[in-house]
C-alpha cells in the first residue's frame, strides 16, 4: 500500500490496468449493484441547486424516481447515494442512441448548463473511497462487469491510477497527484528490482 497525505492507496490500484470500454459494458456500473452512486455530504446541496438544469436530460422514470425518493437518499449503508429506478439504474442515468448508459449530470455539464461534472464517486470509478476518522482508504472495486476495461487497459498499458487521474486531482489536488506519481514510480522500481 502507498500512503499519500491522509490517503492510503491499495497496491492493486498501482498494479492493475484499466480503461473503460463502454461500447462493450454499455455503462453497466450505472445499473448494477444494490444502491445508487455514493455521494459526499458536500455534493447534496449541489444536487439540490443543479436539479432544474439536469431535469430536462432525465428519463421519465428517472424524474419519477427522484420526485418519489428525493434527489439523494440515505441508503442501507447509512450513507447518501443517488436514487435508483426500481432498485436498478441510477435515476440520473440515461441511455444514448447506442444504448449506452451515460450520466445526465455529466451531459448537462458538457452542454455548459452546469459546472458540476458528476458525483466524484462516479468520476473515480472503479476506485472507491472509504472514509475513516483520520484517513481515506482508496481501493479498487473489482467485479466482472469491468472485465473488458481490464483487457483494454492491459492492451493500452494504462495503469488504473492514471486512468482516474482527473478524478484524483479533482478530489485531492494536483500536488497530491504529483506526489502519488512519484510514490507509484518509486514502488514500481522497488518491485522490478
N, C-alpha and C. Protein backbone atom coordinates (compact mmCIF):
# COMPACT_ATOMS: atom_id res chain seq x y z
N UNK A 1 0.84 -1.18 0.00
CA UNK A 1 0.00 0.00 0.00
C UNK A 1 0.88 1.25 0.00
N UNK A 2 0.31 2.32 -0.46
CA UNK A 2 1.02 3.60 -0.53
C UNK A 2 0.25 4.61 0.31
N UNK A 3 0.98 5.36 1.12
CA UNK A 3 0.38 6.41 1.93
C UNK A 3 0.76 7.75 1.29
N UNK A 4 -0.25 8.55 1.00
CA UNK A 4 -0.04 9.86 0.39
C UNK A 4 -0.93 10.85 1.12
N UNK A 5 -0.33 11.69 1.95
CA UNK A 5 -1.12 12.61 2.75
C UNK A 5 -2.01 11.81 3.68
N UNK A 6 -3.30 12.10 3.67
CA UNK A 6 -4.25 11.38 4.52
C UNK A 6 -5.01 10.32 3.73
N UNK A 7 -4.36 9.78 2.71
CA UNK A 7 -4.97 8.73 1.90
C UNK A 7 -4.05 7.51 1.87
N UNK A 8 -4.67 6.34 1.98
CA UNK A 8 -3.96 5.08 1.85
C UNK A 8 -4.47 4.42 0.57
N UNK A 9 -3.56 4.15 -0.35
CA UNK A 9 -3.92 3.62 -1.66
C UNK A 9 -3.51 2.17 -1.74
N UNK A 10 -4.45 1.29 -2.08
CA UNK A 10 -4.14 -0.14 -2.15
C UNK A 10 -3.20 -0.43 -3.31
N UNK A 11 -2.41 -1.48 -3.15
CA UNK A 11 -1.44 -1.86 -4.18
C UNK A 11 -2.08 -2.17 -5.51
N UNK A 12 -3.29 -2.73 -5.50
CA UNK A 12 -3.89 -3.12 -6.79
C UNK A 12 -4.28 -1.91 -7.64
N UNK A 13 -4.33 -0.72 -7.07
CA UNK A 13 -4.54 0.50 -7.88
C UNK A 13 -3.28 0.80 -8.69
N UNK A 14 -2.13 0.48 -8.12
CA UNK A 14 -0.86 0.67 -8.84
C UNK A 14 -0.63 -0.46 -9.84
N UNK A 15 -0.98 -1.67 -9.47
CA UNK A 15 -0.63 -2.86 -10.25
C UNK A 15 -1.59 -3.17 -11.38
N UNK A 16 -2.81 -2.66 -11.32
CA UNK A 16 -3.85 -3.01 -12.30
C UNK A 16 -3.88 -2.01 -13.45
N UNK A 17 -4.31 -2.51 -14.60
CA UNK A 17 -4.52 -1.69 -15.79
C UNK A 17 -6.02 -1.59 -16.03
N UNK A 18 -6.46 -0.42 -16.54
CA UNK A 18 -7.91 -0.22 -16.66
C UNK A 18 -8.19 0.94 -17.61
N UNK A 19 -9.11 0.74 -18.54
CA UNK A 19 -9.66 1.80 -19.38
C UNK A 19 -11.10 1.39 -19.69
N UNK A 20 -12.07 2.21 -19.31
CA UNK A 20 -13.47 1.89 -19.58
C UNK A 20 -13.67 1.56 -21.05
N UNK A 21 -14.45 0.52 -21.29
CA UNK A 21 -14.79 0.11 -22.65
C UNK A 21 -16.32 0.09 -22.74
N UNK A 22 -16.90 1.29 -22.74
CA UNK A 22 -18.36 1.42 -22.68
C UNK A 22 -19.08 0.79 -23.86
N UNK A 23 -18.41 0.68 -24.99
CA UNK A 23 -19.04 0.02 -26.13
C UNK A 23 -19.36 -1.43 -25.80
N UNK A 24 -18.59 -2.02 -24.90
CA UNK A 24 -18.82 -3.42 -24.53
C UNK A 24 -19.66 -3.56 -23.27
N UNK A 25 -19.40 -2.73 -22.24
CA UNK A 25 -20.14 -2.90 -20.98
C UNK A 25 -21.46 -2.14 -20.98
N UNK A 26 -21.63 -1.18 -21.88
CA UNK A 26 -22.85 -0.37 -22.01
C UNK A 26 -23.15 0.47 -20.77
N UNK A 27 -22.10 0.79 -19.97
CA UNK A 27 -22.30 1.61 -18.78
C UNK A 27 -22.93 0.83 -17.64
N UNK A 28 -22.59 -0.45 -17.54
CA UNK A 28 -23.20 -1.34 -16.54
C UNK A 28 -23.02 -0.85 -15.11
N UNK A 29 -21.96 -0.09 -14.83
CA UNK A 29 -21.74 0.38 -13.45
C UNK A 29 -22.85 1.34 -13.02
N UNK A 30 -23.60 1.90 -13.96
CA UNK A 30 -24.71 2.80 -13.62
C UNK A 30 -25.99 2.04 -13.29
N UNK A 31 -25.98 0.73 -13.53
CA UNK A 31 -27.20 -0.06 -13.31
C UNK A 31 -26.98 -1.25 -12.38
N UNK A 32 -25.79 -1.78 -12.32
CA UNK A 32 -25.51 -2.95 -11.48
C UNK A 32 -25.30 -2.54 -10.03
N UNK A 33 -25.53 -3.45 -9.14
CA UNK A 33 -25.34 -3.18 -7.72
C UNK A 33 -26.67 -2.96 -7.03
N UNK A 34 -26.61 -2.79 -5.73
CA UNK A 34 -27.82 -2.68 -4.93
C UNK A 34 -28.23 -1.25 -4.62
N UNK A 35 -27.28 -0.32 -4.77
CA UNK A 35 -27.53 1.08 -4.40
C UNK A 35 -27.15 2.01 -5.53
N UNK A 36 -27.54 3.27 -5.41
CA UNK A 36 -27.10 4.28 -6.37
C UNK A 36 -25.66 4.67 -6.10
N UNK A 37 -25.19 5.70 -6.77
CA UNK A 37 -23.82 6.17 -6.60
C UNK A 37 -23.63 6.82 -5.24
N UNK A 38 -22.54 6.48 -4.54
CA UNK A 38 -22.26 7.14 -3.26
C UNK A 38 -22.07 8.65 -3.45
N UNK A 39 -22.55 9.42 -2.48
CA UNK A 39 -22.45 10.87 -2.54
C UNK A 39 -21.73 11.40 -1.32
N UNK A 40 -20.87 12.39 -1.53
CA UNK A 40 -20.22 13.10 -0.42
C UNK A 40 -21.22 14.11 0.14
N UNK A 41 -21.10 14.41 1.41
CA UNK A 41 -22.03 15.35 2.05
C UNK A 41 -22.07 16.70 1.33
N UNK A 42 -20.91 17.16 0.83
CA UNK A 42 -20.89 18.47 0.17
C UNK A 42 -21.52 18.44 -1.22
N UNK A 43 -21.83 17.24 -1.74
CA UNK A 43 -22.50 17.15 -3.04
C UNK A 43 -24.02 17.27 -2.93
N UNK A 44 -24.56 17.06 -1.75
CA UNK A 44 -26.02 17.10 -1.58
C UNK A 44 -26.61 18.46 -1.94
N UNK A 45 -26.08 19.58 -1.40
CA UNK A 45 -26.65 20.87 -1.80
C UNK A 45 -26.41 21.19 -3.28
N UNK A 46 -25.35 20.63 -3.84
CA UNK A 46 -25.10 20.84 -5.28
C UNK A 46 -26.19 20.18 -6.09
N UNK A 47 -26.58 18.95 -5.72
CA UNK A 47 -27.66 18.28 -6.45
C UNK A 47 -28.97 19.06 -6.33
N UNK A 48 -29.22 19.62 -5.15
CA UNK A 48 -30.42 20.47 -4.99
C UNK A 48 -30.36 21.66 -5.94
N UNK A 49 -29.20 22.28 -6.01
CA UNK A 49 -29.02 23.51 -6.79
C UNK A 49 -29.11 23.26 -8.31
N UNK A 50 -28.57 22.17 -8.79
CA UNK A 50 -28.49 21.94 -10.24
C UNK A 50 -29.67 21.17 -10.82
N UNK A 51 -30.54 20.66 -9.95
CA UNK A 51 -31.58 19.74 -10.43
C UNK A 51 -32.40 20.29 -11.59
N UNK A 52 -32.85 21.50 -11.51
CA UNK A 52 -33.71 22.04 -12.59
C UNK A 52 -32.98 22.09 -13.93
N UNK A 53 -31.66 22.26 -13.90
CA UNK A 53 -30.89 22.27 -15.15
C UNK A 53 -30.59 20.86 -15.66
N UNK A 54 -30.63 19.89 -14.76
CA UNK A 54 -30.38 18.49 -15.14
C UNK A 54 -31.69 17.81 -15.56
N UNK A 55 -32.78 18.23 -15.00
CA UNK A 55 -34.08 17.59 -15.21
C UNK A 55 -34.43 17.35 -16.68
N UNK A 56 -34.18 18.30 -17.60
CA UNK A 56 -34.53 18.04 -19.00
C UNK A 56 -33.78 16.85 -19.62
N UNK A 57 -32.68 16.45 -19.03
CA UNK A 57 -31.88 15.34 -19.55
C UNK A 57 -32.34 13.98 -19.03
N UNK A 58 -33.14 13.99 -17.99
CA UNK A 58 -33.55 12.75 -17.34
C UNK A 58 -34.61 12.00 -18.13
N UNK A 59 -34.66 10.68 -17.91
CA UNK A 59 -35.76 9.89 -18.45
C UNK A 59 -36.99 10.15 -17.59
N UNK A 60 -38.15 9.79 -18.10
CA UNK A 60 -39.37 9.94 -17.30
C UNK A 60 -39.29 9.08 -16.05
N UNK A 61 -38.73 7.88 -16.16
CA UNK A 61 -38.58 7.00 -15.00
C UNK A 61 -37.62 7.61 -13.98
N UNK A 62 -36.56 8.24 -14.46
CA UNK A 62 -35.61 8.90 -13.58
C UNK A 62 -36.25 10.06 -12.84
N UNK A 63 -37.02 10.88 -13.57
CA UNK A 63 -37.72 12.01 -12.93
C UNK A 63 -38.68 11.50 -11.86
N UNK A 64 -39.42 10.44 -12.18
CA UNK A 64 -40.38 9.88 -11.23
C UNK A 64 -39.68 9.35 -9.98
N UNK A 65 -38.54 8.68 -10.18
CA UNK A 65 -37.78 8.15 -9.04
C UNK A 65 -37.30 9.29 -8.14
N UNK A 66 -36.83 10.36 -8.74
CA UNK A 66 -36.33 11.49 -7.96
C UNK A 66 -37.48 12.22 -7.26
N UNK A 67 -38.62 12.36 -7.94
CA UNK A 67 -39.77 13.01 -7.31
C UNK A 67 -40.30 12.18 -6.14
N UNK A 68 -40.20 10.86 -6.25
CA UNK A 68 -40.69 9.97 -5.19
C UNK A 68 -39.69 9.83 -4.05
N UNK A 69 -38.41 9.64 -4.40
CA UNK A 69 -37.38 9.34 -3.39
C UNK A 69 -36.58 10.55 -2.94
N UNK A 70 -36.51 11.57 -3.78
CA UNK A 70 -35.68 12.73 -3.50
C UNK A 70 -34.46 12.74 -4.41
N UNK A 71 -33.74 13.84 -4.40
CA UNK A 71 -32.56 13.99 -5.27
C UNK A 71 -31.41 13.12 -4.80
N UNK A 72 -31.47 12.67 -3.56
CA UNK A 72 -30.50 11.75 -2.96
C UNK A 72 -31.23 11.02 -1.84
N UNK A 73 -30.72 9.86 -1.48
CA UNK A 73 -31.36 9.04 -0.45
C UNK A 73 -30.33 8.65 0.61
N UNK A 74 -30.81 8.40 1.81
CA UNK A 74 -29.98 7.85 2.87
C UNK A 74 -30.14 6.35 2.74
N UNK A 75 -29.09 5.67 2.30
CA UNK A 75 -29.23 4.28 1.87
C UNK A 75 -28.99 3.25 2.98
N UNK A 76 -29.05 1.99 2.59
CA UNK A 76 -28.89 0.87 3.53
C UNK A 76 -27.51 0.83 4.17
N UNK A 77 -26.50 1.44 3.53
CA UNK A 77 -25.16 1.51 4.10
C UNK A 77 -25.01 2.70 5.05
N UNK A 78 -26.13 3.39 5.31
CA UNK A 78 -26.17 4.56 6.20
C UNK A 78 -25.32 5.71 5.66
N UNK A 79 -25.36 5.84 4.34
CA UNK A 79 -24.68 6.93 3.65
C UNK A 79 -25.64 7.47 2.60
N UNK A 80 -25.29 8.62 2.03
CA UNK A 80 -26.12 9.17 0.96
C UNK A 80 -25.69 8.61 -0.39
N UNK A 81 -26.69 8.40 -1.23
CA UNK A 81 -26.43 7.93 -2.59
C UNK A 81 -27.53 8.46 -3.51
N UNK A 82 -27.32 8.28 -4.80
CA UNK A 82 -28.34 8.69 -5.76
C UNK A 82 -29.51 7.72 -5.68
N UNK A 83 -30.72 8.20 -5.96
CA UNK A 83 -31.86 7.27 -6.01
C UNK A 83 -31.75 6.37 -7.23
N UNK A 84 -32.48 5.28 -7.22
CA UNK A 84 -32.47 4.35 -8.35
C UNK A 84 -33.88 4.18 -8.90
N UNK A 85 -33.94 3.69 -10.11
CA UNK A 85 -35.21 3.36 -10.76
C UNK A 85 -35.48 1.88 -10.49
N UNK A 86 -36.50 1.62 -9.69
CA UNK A 86 -36.88 0.24 -9.35
C UNK A 86 -35.71 -0.59 -8.82
N UNK A 87 -34.84 0.04 -8.03
CA UNK A 87 -33.71 -0.69 -7.45
C UNK A 87 -32.65 -1.09 -8.45
N UNK A 88 -32.67 -0.50 -9.63
CA UNK A 88 -31.69 -0.83 -10.67
C UNK A 88 -30.85 0.39 -11.01
N UNK A 89 -31.01 0.93 -12.24
CA UNK A 89 -30.12 2.00 -12.67
C UNK A 89 -30.30 3.27 -11.86
N UNK A 90 -29.22 4.01 -11.81
CA UNK A 90 -29.22 5.32 -11.17
C UNK A 90 -30.29 6.19 -11.82
N UNK A 91 -31.04 6.92 -11.02
CA UNK A 91 -32.10 7.78 -11.55
C UNK A 91 -31.54 8.87 -12.47
N UNK A 92 -30.25 9.19 -12.33
CA UNK A 92 -29.63 10.21 -13.17
C UNK A 92 -29.04 9.63 -14.46
N UNK A 93 -29.14 8.32 -14.65
CA UNK A 93 -28.58 7.68 -15.84
C UNK A 93 -29.56 7.76 -17.01
N UNK A 94 -29.03 7.95 -18.19
CA UNK A 94 -29.84 7.97 -19.42
C UNK A 94 -29.12 7.14 -20.48
N UNK A 95 -29.89 6.54 -21.36
CA UNK A 95 -29.31 5.78 -22.46
C UNK A 95 -29.09 6.70 -23.66
N UNK A 96 -27.92 6.58 -24.29
CA UNK A 96 -27.71 7.33 -25.53
C UNK A 96 -28.24 6.51 -26.70
N UNK A 97 -28.10 7.01 -27.91
CA UNK A 97 -28.68 6.32 -29.07
C UNK A 97 -28.02 4.99 -29.37
N UNK A 98 -26.82 4.75 -28.80
CA UNK A 98 -26.15 3.46 -28.97
C UNK A 98 -26.54 2.47 -27.87
N UNK A 99 -27.42 2.89 -26.96
CA UNK A 99 -27.86 2.02 -25.87
C UNK A 99 -26.88 1.95 -24.72
N UNK A 100 -26.02 2.96 -24.60
CA UNK A 100 -25.03 3.01 -23.53
C UNK A 100 -25.51 3.99 -22.47
N UNK A 101 -25.45 3.57 -21.21
CA UNK A 101 -25.84 4.47 -20.13
C UNK A 101 -24.81 5.57 -19.95
N UNK A 102 -25.31 6.76 -19.74
CA UNK A 102 -24.47 7.93 -19.50
C UNK A 102 -25.11 8.75 -18.40
N UNK A 103 -24.34 9.59 -17.76
CA UNK A 103 -24.83 10.40 -16.66
C UNK A 103 -25.49 11.68 -17.19
N UNK A 104 -26.73 11.92 -16.80
CA UNK A 104 -27.42 13.14 -17.23
C UNK A 104 -26.76 14.38 -16.63
N UNK A 105 -26.19 14.24 -15.44
CA UNK A 105 -25.49 15.37 -14.83
C UNK A 105 -24.28 15.75 -15.68
N UNK A 106 -23.53 14.73 -16.10
CA UNK A 106 -22.35 14.98 -16.93
C UNK A 106 -22.74 15.57 -18.28
N UNK A 107 -23.86 15.10 -18.84
CA UNK A 107 -24.32 15.65 -20.11
C UNK A 107 -24.69 17.12 -19.98
N UNK A 108 -25.36 17.48 -18.88
CA UNK A 108 -25.71 18.89 -18.64
C UNK A 108 -24.43 19.72 -18.47
N UNK A 109 -23.42 19.15 -17.85
CA UNK A 109 -22.13 19.85 -17.69
C UNK A 109 -21.46 20.02 -19.05
N UNK A 110 -21.44 18.95 -19.85
CA UNK A 110 -20.85 19.03 -21.19
C UNK A 110 -21.53 20.09 -22.04
N UNK A 111 -22.84 20.26 -21.83
CA UNK A 111 -23.61 21.26 -22.57
C UNK A 111 -23.56 22.65 -21.93
N UNK A 112 -22.71 22.81 -20.90
CA UNK A 112 -22.48 24.10 -20.22
C UNK A 112 -23.72 24.63 -19.49
N UNK A 113 -24.61 23.73 -19.10
CA UNK A 113 -25.79 24.13 -18.32
C UNK A 113 -25.44 24.23 -16.84
N UNK A 114 -24.43 23.47 -16.41
CA UNK A 114 -23.96 23.46 -15.03
C UNK A 114 -22.43 23.31 -15.06
N UNK A 115 -21.78 23.52 -13.92
CA UNK A 115 -20.32 23.34 -13.86
C UNK A 115 -19.92 22.09 -13.09
N UNK A 116 -20.85 21.46 -12.39
CA UNK A 116 -20.58 20.24 -11.63
C UNK A 116 -20.57 19.07 -12.60
N UNK A 117 -19.47 18.34 -12.67
CA UNK A 117 -19.32 17.28 -13.67
C UNK A 117 -20.21 16.07 -13.39
N UNK A 118 -20.11 15.53 -12.22
CA UNK A 118 -20.90 14.40 -11.73
C UNK A 118 -20.37 14.05 -10.36
N UNK A 119 -21.07 13.19 -9.60
CA UNK A 119 -20.53 12.83 -8.29
C UNK A 119 -19.11 12.29 -8.41
N UNK A 120 -18.27 12.66 -7.45
CA UNK A 120 -16.87 12.26 -7.52
C UNK A 120 -16.73 10.74 -7.47
N UNK A 121 -17.66 10.05 -6.80
CA UNK A 121 -17.57 8.58 -6.75
C UNK A 121 -17.72 7.98 -8.15
N UNK A 122 -18.53 8.60 -8.99
CA UNK A 122 -18.70 8.12 -10.37
C UNK A 122 -17.46 8.46 -11.19
N UNK A 123 -16.93 9.65 -10.99
CA UNK A 123 -15.75 10.09 -11.72
C UNK A 123 -14.55 9.21 -11.39
N UNK A 124 -14.44 8.77 -10.14
CA UNK A 124 -13.33 7.95 -9.69
C UNK A 124 -13.47 6.46 -10.04
N UNK A 125 -14.67 6.03 -10.36
CA UNK A 125 -14.91 4.60 -10.52
C UNK A 125 -13.96 3.98 -11.56
N UNK A 126 -13.34 2.84 -11.25
CA UNK A 126 -13.64 1.83 -10.24
C UNK A 126 -12.90 1.97 -8.91
N UNK A 127 -12.33 3.13 -8.66
CA UNK A 127 -11.72 3.36 -7.36
C UNK A 127 -12.82 3.83 -6.40
N UNK A 128 -12.86 3.21 -5.24
CA UNK A 128 -13.83 3.58 -4.22
C UNK A 128 -13.08 4.09 -2.99
N UNK A 129 -13.65 5.10 -2.35
CA UNK A 129 -13.05 5.69 -1.15
C UNK A 129 -13.90 5.29 0.06
N UNK A 130 -13.21 4.77 1.06
CA UNK A 130 -13.84 4.54 2.36
C UNK A 130 -13.24 5.56 3.31
N UNK A 131 -14.09 6.37 3.91
CA UNK A 131 -13.62 7.44 4.81
C UNK A 131 -13.53 6.91 6.23
N UNK A 132 -12.40 7.15 6.85
CA UNK A 132 -12.20 6.85 8.26
C UNK A 132 -11.94 8.17 8.98
N UNK A 133 -11.86 8.14 10.27
CA UNK A 133 -11.73 9.38 11.04
C UNK A 133 -10.51 10.20 10.62
N UNK A 134 -9.37 9.54 10.41
CA UNK A 134 -8.14 10.30 10.13
C UNK A 134 -7.55 10.05 8.75
N UNK A 135 -8.19 9.23 7.93
CA UNK A 135 -7.66 8.98 6.60
C UNK A 135 -8.74 8.43 5.67
N UNK A 136 -8.45 8.47 4.37
CA UNK A 136 -9.28 7.84 3.35
C UNK A 136 -8.57 6.59 2.86
N UNK A 137 -9.31 5.52 2.68
CA UNK A 137 -8.76 4.30 2.09
C UNK A 137 -9.27 4.20 0.66
N UNK A 138 -8.35 4.15 -0.30
CA UNK A 138 -8.70 4.04 -1.72
C UNK A 138 -8.47 2.60 -2.16
N UNK A 139 -9.53 1.97 -2.66
CA UNK A 139 -9.47 0.58 -3.09
C UNK A 139 -10.04 0.43 -4.49
N UNK A 140 -9.58 -0.59 -5.16
CA UNK A 140 -10.05 -0.93 -6.50
C UNK A 140 -11.25 -1.86 -6.35
N UNK A 141 -12.41 -1.42 -6.82
CA UNK A 141 -13.64 -2.21 -6.76
C UNK A 141 -13.70 -3.11 -7.99
N UNK A 142 -13.20 -4.32 -7.84
CA UNK A 142 -13.11 -5.25 -8.97
C UNK A 142 -14.36 -6.12 -9.05
N UNK A 143 -14.96 -6.18 -10.24
CA UNK A 143 -16.06 -7.12 -10.45
C UNK A 143 -16.19 -7.41 -11.94
N UNK A 144 -16.87 -8.49 -12.29
CA UNK A 144 -16.89 -8.98 -13.68
C UNK A 144 -17.39 -8.00 -14.74
N UNK A 145 -18.27 -7.06 -14.38
CA UNK A 145 -18.79 -6.15 -15.40
C UNK A 145 -17.71 -5.29 -16.03
N UNK A 146 -16.56 -5.16 -15.34
CA UNK A 146 -15.47 -4.34 -15.85
C UNK A 146 -14.34 -5.17 -16.47
N UNK A 147 -14.58 -6.43 -16.77
CA UNK A 147 -13.51 -7.28 -17.31
C UNK A 147 -13.00 -6.75 -18.66
N UNK A 148 -13.89 -6.20 -19.48
CA UNK A 148 -13.44 -5.64 -20.77
C UNK A 148 -12.56 -4.40 -20.56
N UNK A 149 -12.82 -3.64 -19.50
CA UNK A 149 -11.99 -2.47 -19.19
C UNK A 149 -10.60 -2.91 -18.75
N UNK A 150 -10.51 -4.04 -18.07
CA UNK A 150 -9.21 -4.57 -17.66
C UNK A 150 -8.42 -5.03 -18.89
N UNK A 151 -9.10 -5.68 -19.81
CA UNK A 151 -8.46 -6.15 -21.05
C UNK A 151 -7.95 -4.95 -21.85
N UNK A 152 -8.79 -3.92 -22.01
CA UNK A 152 -8.40 -2.74 -22.77
C UNK A 152 -7.27 -1.99 -22.07
N UNK A 153 -7.34 -1.86 -20.76
CA UNK A 153 -6.28 -1.20 -20.01
C UNK A 153 -4.95 -1.91 -20.15
N UNK A 154 -4.99 -3.24 -20.11
CA UNK A 154 -3.77 -4.04 -20.28
C UNK A 154 -3.22 -3.86 -21.69
N UNK A 155 -4.10 -3.89 -22.67
CA UNK A 155 -3.68 -3.72 -24.07
C UNK A 155 -3.02 -2.36 -24.28
N UNK A 156 -3.60 -1.31 -23.69
CA UNK A 156 -3.08 0.04 -23.86
C UNK A 156 -1.99 0.39 -22.84
N UNK A 157 -1.76 -0.51 -21.86
CA UNK A 157 -0.75 -0.32 -20.81
C UNK A 157 -1.02 0.95 -19.99
N UNK A 158 -2.28 1.15 -19.61
CA UNK A 158 -2.65 2.31 -18.81
C UNK A 158 -2.99 1.84 -17.40
N UNK A 159 -2.15 2.21 -16.43
CA UNK A 159 -2.44 1.84 -15.04
C UNK A 159 -3.71 2.52 -14.54
N UNK A 160 -4.38 1.85 -13.62
CA UNK A 160 -5.62 2.37 -13.06
C UNK A 160 -5.44 3.77 -12.49
N UNK A 161 -4.34 4.01 -11.76
CA UNK A 161 -4.15 5.33 -11.15
C UNK A 161 -3.98 6.43 -12.19
N UNK A 162 -3.58 6.09 -13.41
CA UNK A 162 -3.52 7.10 -14.48
C UNK A 162 -4.88 7.25 -15.16
N UNK A 163 -5.64 6.17 -15.25
CA UNK A 163 -6.97 6.25 -15.82
C UNK A 163 -7.86 7.20 -15.02
N UNK A 164 -7.72 7.20 -13.69
CA UNK A 164 -8.55 8.06 -12.84
C UNK A 164 -7.83 9.36 -12.44
N UNK A 165 -6.81 9.73 -13.18
CA UNK A 165 -6.00 10.92 -12.87
C UNK A 165 -6.86 12.16 -12.62
N UNK A 166 -7.72 12.52 -13.57
CA UNK A 166 -8.52 13.74 -13.43
C UNK A 166 -9.40 13.71 -12.18
N UNK A 167 -9.96 12.55 -11.89
CA UNK A 167 -10.82 12.42 -10.72
C UNK A 167 -10.01 12.53 -9.43
N UNK A 168 -8.81 11.94 -9.41
CA UNK A 168 -7.96 12.05 -8.22
C UNK A 168 -7.51 13.49 -8.00
N UNK A 169 -7.19 14.19 -9.08
CA UNK A 169 -6.82 15.61 -8.96
C UNK A 169 -8.03 16.42 -8.47
N UNK A 170 -9.19 16.12 -8.99
CA UNK A 170 -10.41 16.81 -8.54
C UNK A 170 -10.63 16.59 -7.05
N UNK A 171 -10.40 15.38 -6.58
CA UNK A 171 -10.66 15.05 -5.17
C UNK A 171 -9.57 15.56 -4.24
N UNK A 172 -8.30 15.38 -4.62
CA UNK A 172 -7.20 15.65 -3.69
C UNK A 172 -6.26 16.77 -4.12
N UNK A 173 -6.34 17.23 -5.36
CA UNK A 173 -5.48 18.31 -5.83
C UNK A 173 -4.31 17.83 -6.66
N UNK A 174 -3.78 18.74 -7.46
CA UNK A 174 -2.69 18.42 -8.39
C UNK A 174 -1.40 18.04 -7.66
N UNK A 175 -1.04 18.78 -6.61
CA UNK A 175 0.19 18.48 -5.87
C UNK A 175 0.11 17.08 -5.26
N UNK A 176 -1.05 16.72 -4.73
CA UNK A 176 -1.25 15.39 -4.17
C UNK A 176 -1.02 14.33 -5.24
N UNK A 177 -1.61 14.55 -6.44
CA UNK A 177 -1.48 13.57 -7.52
C UNK A 177 -0.01 13.46 -7.97
N UNK A 178 0.68 14.57 -8.08
CA UNK A 178 2.09 14.53 -8.49
C UNK A 178 2.92 13.74 -7.48
N UNK A 179 2.61 13.90 -6.19
CA UNK A 179 3.30 13.12 -5.16
C UNK A 179 2.95 11.63 -5.30
N UNK A 180 1.69 11.35 -5.61
CA UNK A 180 1.28 9.96 -5.84
C UNK A 180 2.07 9.34 -6.99
N UNK A 181 2.23 10.09 -8.08
CA UNK A 181 3.02 9.59 -9.21
C UNK A 181 4.44 9.25 -8.79
N UNK A 182 5.06 10.11 -8.00
CA UNK A 182 6.42 9.84 -7.51
C UNK A 182 6.45 8.56 -6.68
N UNK A 183 5.45 8.40 -5.82
CA UNK A 183 5.36 7.20 -4.97
C UNK A 183 5.13 5.95 -5.82
N UNK A 184 4.25 6.05 -6.80
CA UNK A 184 3.95 4.91 -7.67
C UNK A 184 5.20 4.48 -8.44
N UNK A 185 5.91 5.45 -8.99
CA UNK A 185 7.13 5.15 -9.74
C UNK A 185 8.19 4.55 -8.84
N UNK A 186 8.30 5.07 -7.63
CA UNK A 186 9.25 4.54 -6.66
C UNK A 186 8.92 3.09 -6.30
N UNK A 187 7.63 2.82 -6.07
CA UNK A 187 7.19 1.45 -5.75
C UNK A 187 7.41 0.52 -6.93
N UNK A 188 7.15 0.99 -8.15
CA UNK A 188 7.37 0.16 -9.35
C UNK A 188 8.83 -0.20 -9.50
N UNK A 189 9.73 0.74 -9.20
CA UNK A 189 11.15 0.47 -9.27
C UNK A 189 11.55 -0.58 -8.25
N UNK A 190 11.01 -0.50 -7.04
CA UNK A 190 11.31 -1.49 -6.00
C UNK A 190 10.85 -2.87 -6.42
N UNK A 191 9.65 -2.96 -7.01
CA UNK A 191 9.09 -4.25 -7.42
C UNK A 191 9.92 -4.88 -8.53
N UNK A 192 10.40 -4.06 -9.47
CA UNK A 192 11.16 -4.60 -10.61
C UNK A 192 12.59 -4.98 -10.25
N UNK A 193 13.13 -4.45 -9.14
CA UNK A 193 14.50 -4.76 -8.73
C UNK A 193 14.65 -6.15 -8.17
